[in-house]
Amino acid sequence: MANAKHRYEDTVEPQSSIVVDLGVTRRSVDRLAQQQGWKLRKDRRRAHCRRR
């Protein structure tokens, strides 16, 4: 699960790729992230969108 958390939180790897490797649905990973307190992707600040 640590690898999935790292891939979810720290990479730009598509979630579809992560769920295929885990053998679960995207909703399952979303639910797991919320339950485990992972940094949610929707809350991530995009690196290429910098404030001026």
Protein backbone atom coordinates (compact mmCIF):
# COMPACT_ATOMS: atom_id res chain seq x y z
CA MET A 1 0.00 0.00 0.00
CA ALA A 2 2.95 2.34 0.58
CA ASN A 3 3.84 2.13 -3.11
CA ALA A 4 0.27 3.00 -4.12
CA LYS A 5 0.27 5.95 -1.73
CA HIS A 6 3.57 7.22 -3.14
CA ARG A 7 2.33 6.89 -6.73
CA TYR A 8 -0.97 8.58 -5.85
CA GLU A 9 0.50 11.46 -3.85
CA ASP A 10 3.91 12.12 -5.34
CA THR A 11 3.71 11.37 -9.05
CA VAL A 12 1.73 12.51 -12.07
CA GLU A 13 1.12 8.90 -13.06
CA PRO A 14 -2.45 8.51 -14.28
CA GLN A 15 -4.77 7.05 -11.70
CA SER A 16 -5.93 4.57 -14.33
CA SER A 17 -2.43 3.06 -14.38
CA ILE A 18 -2.31 2.80 -10.59
CA VAL A 19 -5.68 1.06 -10.33
CA VAL A 20 -4.81 -1.45 -13.05
CA ASP A 21 -1.67 -2.46 -11.15
CA LEU A 22 -3.65 -2.77 -7.90
CA GLY A 23 -6.51 -4.64 -9.54
CA VAL A 24 -9.17 -2.34 -8.08
CA THR A 25 -11.48 0.40 -9.32
CA ARG A 26 -10.67 4.09 -9.34
CA ARG A 27 -13.41 4.66 -6.80
CA SER A 28 -11.75 2.15 -4.49
CA VAL A 29 -8.49 4.10 -4.63
CA ASP A 30 -10.32 7.40 -4.08
CA ARG A 31 -12.07 5.92 -1.05
CA LEU A 32 -8.82 4.46 0.30
CA ALA A 33 -7.06 7.82 -0.09
CA GLN A 34 -9.81 9.57 1.86
CA GLN A 35 -9.94 6.93 4.59
CA GLN A 36 -6.15 6.80 5.01
CA GLY A 37 -5.70 10.58 4.95
CA TRP A 38 -3.60 10.67 1.78
CA LYS A 39 -3.04 14.05 0.12
CA LEU A 40 -5.88 14.12 -2.39
CA ARG A 41 -5.00 14.75 -6.00
CA LYS A 42 -7.75 17.33 -6.38
CA ASP A 43 -6.08 19.40 -3.65
CA ARG A 44 -2.67 19.24 -5.27
CA ARG A 45 -1.24 22.47 -6.57
CA ARG A 46 -0.20 22.13 -10.17
CA ALA A 47 3.49 22.79 -10.66
CA HIS A 48 2.96 24.61 -13.94
CA CYS A 49 0.33 27.00 -12.49
CA ARG A 50 2.37 29.44 -10.49
CA ARG A 51 1.00 32.58 -8.91
CA ARG A 52 2.49 35.85 -10.05
